[in-house]
C-alpha atoms as a PDB file:
ATOM      1  CA  MET A   1      56.372  66.916 148.429  1.00  0.00           C
ATOM      2  CA  LYS A   2      57.428  65.896 144.943  1.00  0.00           C
ATOM      3  CA  PRO A   3      56.963  68.734 142.399  1.00  0.00           C
ATOM      4  CA  ASN A   4      55.445  67.983 139.001  1.00  0.00           C
ATOM      5  CA  GLN A   5      56.932  69.236 135.732  1.00  0.00           C
ATOM      6  CA  GLU A   6      55.137  72.581 135.856  1.00  0.00           C
ATOM      7  CA  GLN A   7      56.293  73.151 139.413  1.00  0.00           C
ATOM      8  CA  GLN A   8      59.859  72.175 138.504  1.00  0.00           C
ATOM      9  CA  ASN A   9      59.756  74.755 135.716  1.00  0.00           C
ATOM     10  CA  PHE A  10      58.651  77.355 138.262  1.00  0.00           C
ATOM     11  CA  ILE A  11      61.604  76.504 140.518  1.00  0.00           C
ATOM     12  CA  LYS A  12      63.991  76.771 137.551  1.00  0.00           C
ATOM     13  CA  ALA A  13      62.559  80.131 136.531  1.00  0.00           C
ATOM     14  CA  GLN A  14      62.868  81.468 140.086  1.00  0.00           C
ATOM     15  CA  LEU A  15      66.496  80.392 140.412  1.00  0.00           C
ATOM     16  CA  GLN A  16      67.474  81.525 136.913  1.00  0.00           C
ATOM     17  CA  SER A  17      66.161  85.014 137.690  1.00  0.00           C
ATOM     18  CA  ILE A  18      68.609  85.398 140.605  1.00  0.00           C
ATOM     19  CA  THR A  19      71.634  83.428 139.378  1.00  0.00           C
ATOM     20  CA  TYR A  20      74.062  84.015 136.529  1.00  0.00           C
ATOM     21  CA  VAL A  21      76.447  81.073 136.955  1.00  0.00           C
ATOM     22  CA  GLN A  22      75.195  77.711 135.716  1.00  0.00           C
ATOM     23  CA  GLU A  23      76.984  75.675 138.376  1.00  0.00           C
ATOM     24  CA  THR A  24      75.412  77.739 141.175  1.00  0.00           C
ATOM     25  CA  TYR A  25      71.979  77.364 139.583  1.00  0.00           C
ATOM     26  CA  GLU A  26      72.321  73.573 139.331  1.00  0.00           C
ATOM     27  CA  GLU A  27      73.511  73.261 142.936  1.00  0.00           C
ATOM     28  CA  LEU A  28      70.674  75.424 144.267  1.00  0.00           C
ATOM     29  CA  TYR A  29      68.092  73.616 142.133  1.00  0.00           C
ATOM     30  CA  ASP A  30      69.166  70.273 143.616  1.00  0.00           C
ATOM     31  CA  HIS A  31      69.034  71.802 147.099  1.00  0.00           C
ATOM     32  CA  VAL A  32      65.462  73.082 146.599  1.00  0.00           C
ATOM     33  CA  LEU A  33      64.268  69.686 145.309  1.00  0.00           C
ATOM     34  CA  THR A  34      65.872  67.935 148.275  1.00  0.00           C
ATOM     35  CA  ALA A  35      64.376  70.426 150.745  1.00  0.00           C
ATOM     36  CA  LEU A  36      60.906  69.977 149.219  1.00  0.00           C
ATOM     37  CA  GLU A  37      61.019  66.252 150.004  1.00  0.00           C
ATOM     38  CA  GLY A  38      60.635  67.162 153.670  1.00  0.00           C
ATOM     39  CA  VAL A  39      57.636  69.449 153.038  1.00  0.00           C
ATOM     40  CA  PRO A  40      54.128  67.944 153.520  1.00  0.00           C
ATOM     41  CA  ASP A  41      52.154  67.344 150.308  1.00  0.00           C
ATOM     42  CA  ASP A  42      49.287  69.571 151.461  1.00  0.00           C
ATOM     43  CA  ALA A  43      51.558  72.601 152.063  1.00  0.00           C
ATOM     44  CA  PRO A  44      51.258  75.524 149.584  1.00  0.00           C
ATOM     45  CA  PHE A  45      53.902  74.847 146.919  1.00  0.00           C
ATOM     46  CA  PHE A  46      54.809  78.431 146.011  1.00  0.00           C
ATOM     47  CA  ASP A  47      55.159  79.453 149.648  1.00  0.00           C
ATOM     48  CA  ALA A  48      57.326  76.401 150.320  1.00  0.00           C
ATOM     49  CA  VAL A  49      59.699  77.268 147.443  1.00  0.00           C
ATOM     50  CA  ASN A  50      59.956  80.926 148.471  1.00  0.00           C
ATOM     51  CA  ASN A  51      60.543  79.823 152.067  1.00  0.00           C
ATOM     52  CA  ILE A  52      63.430  77.589 151.041  1.00  0.00           C
ATOM     53  CA  ILE A  53      64.998  80.306 148.857  1.00  0.00           C
ATOM     54  CA  GLU A  54      64.687  82.980 151.543  1.00  0.00           C
ATOM     55  CA  ASN A  55      65.385  80.968 154.708  1.00  0.00           C
ATOM     56  CA  ASP A  56      67.620  78.078 153.590  1.00  0.00           C
ATOM     57  CA  LEU A  57      69.545  79.894 150.874  1.00  0.00           C
ATOM     58  CA  GLY A  58      69.458  83.399 152.337  1.00  0.00           C
ATOM     59  CA  GLY A  59      67.579  85.029 149.474  1.00  0.00           C
ATOM     60  CA  ALA A  60      68.863  86.732 146.325  1.00  0.00           C
ATOM     61  CA  LYS A  61      71.521  88.791 148.144  1.00  0.00           C
ATOM     62  CA  ALA A  62      73.154  85.753 149.764  1.00  0.00           C
ATOM     63  CA  ILE A  63      73.014  83.806 146.500  1.00  0.00           C
ATOM     64  CA  LYS A  64      74.790  86.607 144.611  1.00  0.00           C
ATOM     65  CA  SER A  65      77.453  86.648 147.343  1.00  0.00           C
ATOM     66  CA  ILE A  66      77.939  82.895 146.901  1.00  0.00           C
ATOM     67  CA  GLU A  67      78.234  83.348 143.153  1.00  0.00           C
ATOM     68  CA  ALA A  68      80.825  86.116 143.548  1.00  0.00           C
ATOM     69  CA  LYS A  69      82.966  83.766 145.645  1.00  0.00           C
ATOM     70  CA  TYR A  70      82.450  80.968 143.137  1.00  0.00           C
ATOM     71  CA  LEU A  71      83.550  83.192 140.255  1.00  0.00           C
ATOM     72  CA  LYS A  72      86.795  84.075 142.063  1.00  0.00           C
ATOM     73  CA  ILE A  73      87.517  80.379 142.575  1.00  0.00           C
ATOM     74  CA  ALA A  74      86.551  79.564 138.980  1.00  0.00           C
ATOM     75  CA  ILE A  75      88.862  82.277 137.604  1.00  0.00           C
ATOM     76  CA  LYS A  76      91.764  80.986 139.725  1.00  0.00           C
ATOM     77  CA  GLU A  77      91.111  77.427 138.536  1.00  0.00           C
ATOM     78  CA  TYR A  78      90.923  78.616 134.933  1.00  0.00           C
ATOM     79  CA  ILE A  79      94.263  80.444 135.196  1.00  0.00           C
ATOM     80  CA  PHE A  80      95.805  77.383 136.880  1.00  0.00           C
ATOM     81  CA  ASP A  81      94.506  75.120 134.072  1.00  0.00           C
ATOM     82  CA  TYR A  82      95.935  77.442 131.426  1.00  0.00           C
ATOM     83  CA  PHE A  83      99.393  77.476 132.992  1.00  0.00           C
ATOM     84  CA  ARG A  84      99.205  73.709 133.502  1.00  0.00           C
ATOM     85  CA  CYS A  85      98.618  73.329 129.752  1.00  0.00           C
ATOM     86  CA  LEU A  86     101.422  75.808 129.127  1.00  0.00           C
ATOM     87  CA  GLY A  87     103.756  73.739 131.290  1.00  0.00           C
ATOM     88  CA  GLN A  88     102.821  70.587 129.372  1.00  0.00           C
ATOM     89  CA  CYS A  89     103.793  72.345 126.135  1.00  0.00           C
ATOM     90  CA  LEU A  90     107.176  73.373 127.546  1.00  0.00           C
ATOM     91  CA  THR A  91     107.982  69.833 128.668  1.00  0.00           C
ATOM     92  CA  SER A  92     106.746  67.871 125.633  1.00  0.00           C
ATOM     93  CA  TYR A  93     107.980  67.155 122.121  1.00  0.00           C
ATOM     94  CA  PHE A  94     105.923  70.148 120.971  1.00  0.00           C
ATOM     95  CA  MET A  95     108.753  72.284 122.287  1.00  0.00           C
ATOM     96  CA  LEU A  96     111.125  70.990 119.605  1.00  0.00           C
ATOM     97  CA  ILE A  97     108.547  71.794 116.890  1.00  0.00           C
ATOM     98  CA  ILE A  98     107.951  75.262 118.348  1.00  0.00           C
ATOM     99  CA  ILE A  99     111.668  76.028 118.481  1.00  0.00           C
ATOM    100  CA  ALA A 100     112.159  74.798 114.905  1.00  0.00           C
ATOM    101  CA  ALA A 101     109.201  76.871 113.681  1.00  0.00           C
ATOM    102  CA  THR A 102     110.532  79.963 115.487  1.00  0.00           C
ATOM    103  CA  VAL A 103     113.968  79.545 113.913  1.00  0.00           C
ATOM    104  CA  GLY A 104     112.302  79.175 110.489  1.00  0.00           C
ATOM    105  CA  TYR A 105     110.241  82.302 111.123  1.00  0.00           C
ATOM    106  CA  TYR A 106     113.377  84.229 112.114  1.00  0.00           C
ATOM    107  CA  LEU A 107     115.171  83.149 108.922  1.00  0.00           C
ATOM    108  CA  LEU A 108     112.162  84.110 106.772  1.00  0.00           C
ATOM    109  CA  MET A 109     112.241  87.611 108.217  1.00  0.00           C
ATOM    110  CA  GLN A 110     115.696  88.115 106.742  1.00  0.00           C
ATOM    111  CA  TYR A 111     114.198  88.205 103.228  1.00  0.00           C
ATOM    112  CA  GLU A 112     112.997  91.522 101.797  1.00  0.00           C
ATOM    113  CA  TRP A 113     109.742  90.082 100.477  1.00  0.00           C
ATOM    114  CA  PHE A 114     108.743  88.868 103.950  1.00  0.00           C
ATOM    115  CA  ASN A 115     106.998  91.938 105.370  1.00  0.00           C
ATOM    116  CA  ALA A 116     104.922  92.629 108.458  1.00  0.00           C
ATOM    117  CA  VAL A 117     101.616  91.835 106.727  1.00  0.00           C
ATOM    118  CA  ILE A 118     102.743  88.301 105.827  1.00  0.00           C
ATOM    119  CA  GLY A 119     104.039  87.827 109.357  1.00  0.00           C
ATOM    120  CA  GLN A 120     100.757  88.926 110.919  1.00  0.00           C
ATOM    121  CA  VAL A 121      98.773  86.631 108.617  1.00  0.00           C
ATOM    122  CA  ILE A 122     100.929  83.694 109.708  1.00  0.00           C
ATOM    123  CA  THR A 123     100.607  84.500 113.414  1.00  0.00           C
ATOM    124  CA  SER A 124      96.834  84.966 113.019  1.00  0.00           C
ATOM    125  CA  PHE A 125      96.474  81.523 111.449  1.00  0.00           C
ATOM    126  CA  ILE A 126      98.503  79.983 114.264  1.00  0.00           C
ATOM    127  CA  ILE A 127      95.796  80.841 116.794  1.00  0.00           C
ATOM    128  CA  LEU A 128      92.808  80.661 114.417  1.00  0.00           C
ATOM    129  CA  ILE A 129      93.476  77.043 113.389  1.00  0.00           C
ATOM    130  CA  PRO A 130      93.150  75.554 116.926  1.00  0.00           C
ATOM    131  CA  ALA A 131      90.280  77.993 117.585  1.00  0.00           C
ATOM    132  CA  ALA A 132      88.486  76.682 114.481  1.00  0.00           C
ATOM    133  CA  ILE A 133      88.981  73.076 115.610  1.00  0.00           C
ATOM    134  CA  VAL A 134      87.622  73.832 119.081  1.00  0.00           C
ATOM    135  CA  GLY A 135      84.797  75.954 117.641  1.00  0.00           C
ATOM    136  CA  ARG A 136      83.692  73.238 115.221  1.00  0.00           C
ATOM    137  CA  LYS A 137      83.455  70.661 118.004  1.00  0.00           C
ATOM    138  CA  THR A 138      81.560  73.090 120.248  1.00  0.00           C
ATOM    139  CA  VAL A 139      79.084  74.118 117.526  1.00  0.00           C
ATOM    140  CA  ASN A 140      78.438  70.463 116.649  1.00  0.00           C
ATOM    141  CA  THR A 141      77.831  69.707 120.322  1.00  0.00           C
ATOM    142  CA  ILE A 142      75.259  72.490 120.662  1.00  0.00           C
ATOM    143  CA  ALA A 143      73.579  71.538 117.370  1.00  0.00           C
ATOM    144  CA  ASN A 144      73.304  67.881 118.394  1.00  0.00           C
ATOM    145  CA  ALA A 145      72.417  68.483 122.044  1.00  0.00           C
ATOM    146  CA  PRO A 146      69.361  66.504 123.161  1.00  0.00           C
ATOM    147  CA  VAL A 147      68.008  69.640 124.832  1.00  0.00           C
ATOM    148  CA  LYS A 148      68.234  72.914 122.909  1.00  0.00           C
ATOM    149  CA  THR A 149      69.517  75.856 124.897  1.00  0.00           C
ATOM    150  CA  LEU A 150      69.669  79.603 124.457  1.00  0.00           C
ATOM    151  CA  ILE A 151      73.040  81.225 123.857  1.00  0.00           C
ATOM    152  CA  MET A 152      72.884  82.877 127.276  1.00  0.00           C
ATOM    153  CA  ASP A 153      72.483  79.497 128.963  1.00  0.00           C
ATOM    154  CA  TYR A 154      75.484  78.285 126.979  1.00  0.00           C
ATOM    155  CA  ALA A 155      77.494  81.329 128.068  1.00  0.00           C
ATOM    156  CA  LYS A 156      76.549  80.702 131.705  1.00  0.00           C
ATOM    157  CA  THR A 157      77.951  77.165 131.701  1.00  0.00           C
ATOM    158  CA  THR A 158      81.386  78.103 133.067  1.00  0.00           C
ATOM    159  CA  ILE A 159      83.934  80.900 133.071  1.00  0.00           C
ATOM    160  CA  ARG A 160      85.541  79.319 129.993  1.00  0.00           C
ATOM    161  CA  PRO A 161      83.357  80.968 127.322  1.00  0.00           C
ATOM    162  CA  PHE A 162      84.546  84.374 128.527  1.00  0.00           C
ATOM    163  CA  GLY A 163      88.132  83.167 128.739  1.00  0.00           C
ATOM    164  CA  ASN A 164      87.819  81.760 125.241  1.00  0.00           C
ATOM    165  CA  ILE A 165      87.204  85.242 123.823  1.00  0.00           C
ATOM    166  CA  PHE A 166      90.266  86.631 125.606  1.00  0.00           C
ATOM    167  CA  MET A 167      92.413  83.704 124.462  1.00  0.00           C
ATOM    168  CA  LEU A 168      91.501  84.401 120.834  1.00  0.00           C
ATOM    169  CA  PHE A 169      92.385  88.081 120.995  1.00  0.00           C
ATOM    170  CA  PHE A 170      95.405  87.770 123.294  1.00  0.00           C
ATOM    171  CA  PRO A 171      98.002  87.197 120.505  1.00  0.00           C
ATOM    172  CA  MET A 172      96.678  90.137 118.475  1.00  0.00           C
ATOM    173  CA  LEU A 173      96.655  92.419 121.521  1.00  0.00           C
ATOM    174  CA  LEU A 174     100.160  91.316 122.482  1.00  0.00           C
ATOM    175  CA  TRP A 175     101.508  91.852 118.957  1.00  0.00           C
ATOM    176  CA  THR A 176      99.880  95.286 118.588  1.00  0.00           C
ATOM    177  CA  ASN A 177     100.947  96.578 122.003  1.00  0.00           C
ATOM    178  CA  VAL A 178     104.558  95.411 121.673  1.00  0.00           C
ATOM    179  CA  SER A 179     104.693  96.926 118.190  1.00  0.00           C
ATOM    180  CA  LEU A 180     103.441 100.288 119.499  1.00  0.00           C
ATOM    181  CA  VAL A 181     105.926 100.246 122.381  1.00  0.00           C
ATOM    182  CA  CYS A 182     108.817  99.447 120.025  1.00  0.00           C
ATOM    183  CA  MET A 183     107.847 102.256 117.652  1.00  0.00           C
ATOM    184  CA  LYS A 184     107.779 104.734 120.529  1.00  0.00           C
ATOM    185  CA  LEU A 185     111.177 103.531 121.738  1.00  0.00           C
ATOM    186  CA  GLN A 186     112.582 103.912 118.225  1.00  0.00           C
ATOM    187  CA  ARG A 187     111.257 107.451 117.922  1.00  0.00           C
ATOM    188  CA  ALA A 188     112.890 108.248 121.264  1.00  0.00           C
ATOM    189  CA  LYS A 189     116.094 106.671 119.878  1.00  0.00           C
ATOM    190  CA  LEU A 190     116.211 104.219 122.775  1.00  0.00           C
ATOM    191  CA  ILE A 191     116.483 101.230 120.436  1.00  0.00           C
ATOM    192  CA  PRO A 192     117.980 101.104 116.920  1.00  0.00           C
ATOM    193  CA  ASN A 193     115.609 101.238 113.958  1.00  0.00           C
ATOM    194  CA  GLN A 194     117.922 100.107 111.160  1.00  0.00           C
ATOM    195  CA  ILE A 195     116.521  96.565 111.288  1.00  0.00           C
ATOM    196  CA  ASP A 196     112.855  96.694 112.183  1.00  0.00           C
ATOM    197  CA  TYR A 197     109.740  94.670 111.555  1.00  0.00           C
ATOM    198  CA  ASN A 198     106.571  96.746 111.706  1.00  0.00           C
ATOM    199  CA  GLY A 199     108.162  98.785 114.447  1.00  0.00           C
ATOM    200  CA  MET A 200     109.712  95.736 116.096  1.00  0.00           C
ATOM    201  CA  PRO A 201     113.281  94.495 115.858  1.00  0.00           C
ATOM    202  CA  VAL A 202     113.479  91.080 114.232  1.00  0.00           C
ATOM    203  CA  ASN A 203     114.540  89.367 117.454  1.00  0.00           C
ATOM    204  CA  VAL A 204     111.555  90.853 119.330  1.00  0.00           C
ATOM    205  CA  ALA A 205     109.178  89.654 116.595  1.00  0.00           C
ATOM    206  CA  SER A 206     110.735  86.174 116.854  1.00  0.00           C
ATOM    207  CA  VAL A 207     110.188  86.064 120.620  1.00  0.00           C
ATOM    208  CA  LEU A 208     106.559  87.099 120.119  1.00  0.00           C
ATOM    209  CA  PHE A 209     106.112  84.400 117.481  1.00  0.00           C
ATOM    210  CA  PHE A 210     107.505  81.858 119.964  1.00  0.00           C
ATOM    211  CA  ILE A 211     105.070  83.027 122.689  1.00  0.00           C
ATOM    212  CA  ILE A 212     102.105  82.929 120.293  1.00  0.00           C
ATOM    213  CA  LEU A 213     102.996  79.390 119.178  1.00  0.00           C
ATOM    214  CA  ILE A 214     103.130  78.132 122.768  1.00  0.00           C
ATOM    215  CA  HIS A 215      99.896  79.975 123.528  1.00  0.00           C
ATOM    216  CA  ALA A 216      98.155  78.329 120.546  1.00  0.00           C
ATOM    217  CA  VAL A 217      99.142  74.826 121.678  1.00  0.00           C
ATOM    218  CA  ALA A 218      98.155  75.579 125.299  1.00  0.00           C
ATOM    219  CA  TYR A 219      94.819  76.992 124.080  1.00  0.00           C
ATOM    220  CA  HIS A 220      94.089  73.802 122.167  1.00  0.00           C
ATOM    221  CA  LYS A 221      94.950  71.641 125.176  1.00  0.00           C
ATOM    222  CA  LEU A 222      92.743  73.808 127.401  1.00  0.00           C
ATOM    223  CA  TYR A 223      89.677  73.667 125.143  1.00  0.00           C
ATOM    224  CA  LYS A 224      89.980  70.429 123.162  1.00  0.00           C
ATOM    225  CA  ASP A 225      87.613  68.485 125.469  1.00  0.00           C
ATOM    226  CA  TRP A 226      85.368  71.401 126.347  1.00  0.00           C
ATOM    227  CA  HIS A 227      82.583  70.185 124.061  1.00  0.00           C
ATOM    228  CA  LYS A 228      82.330  67.013 126.173  1.00  0.00           C
ATOM    229  CA  THR A 229      81.712  69.163 129.273  1.00  0.00           C
ATOM    230  CA  LEU A 230      79.023  71.079 127.386  1.00  0.00           C
ATOM    231  CA  MET A 231      77.293  67.893 126.294  1.00  0.00           C
ATOM    232  CA  ALA A 232      77.327  66.582 129.876  1.00  0.00           C
ATOM    233  CA  SER A 233      75.645  69.791 131.062  1.00  0.00           C
ATOM    234  CA  TYR A 234      72.774  69.314 128.573  1.00  0.00           C
ATOM    235  CA  LEU A 235      71.977  65.737 129.573  1.00  0.00           C
END
């Protein structure tokens, strides 16, 4: 049995209603089409599809279990990719630029006019610039895709859209939390507060700046070719 376009749309709708990961959906869709090739042409189509989903794939419950396992693997792979990009930053010429920029940032903090607001603006731009580059490529990809897709389909493509949100807010969360911890330590007189920077000692702020710089470069490496993956999924 070879399903026509209307029947293919029915299969897609059935699978989309019980899956939330794009890769799982694509794999199951291919499996259903392959299984239908062995079904006689005169067999009831809808019964054949439901049979395959229930008997071959184990039904909605089994599919959700498969997806849960896939998500665990995808998250591990995502974390591995991030640290791989991080390692590339630490062993490339970028490291010299990062160290030089950190030293410059430390020296700037010695001036009275250089306050916490200016520092936070600089650190925000460090992560927003690569994010803007990645975002522009991704938006252009979606706009020029040969097949238009809903935002939820785009979000289902991989675990990376969710990771992308965390990556954007990670530097801000790190900066805020370390600042709050330092302020509490200063109030408890556990660290000196004669030289502070929005609740943080200058050396702590410099270390954070260094971490945020490395994170920004790793983020760009992790997402720079993502738009190509998106385009491939639309073809």
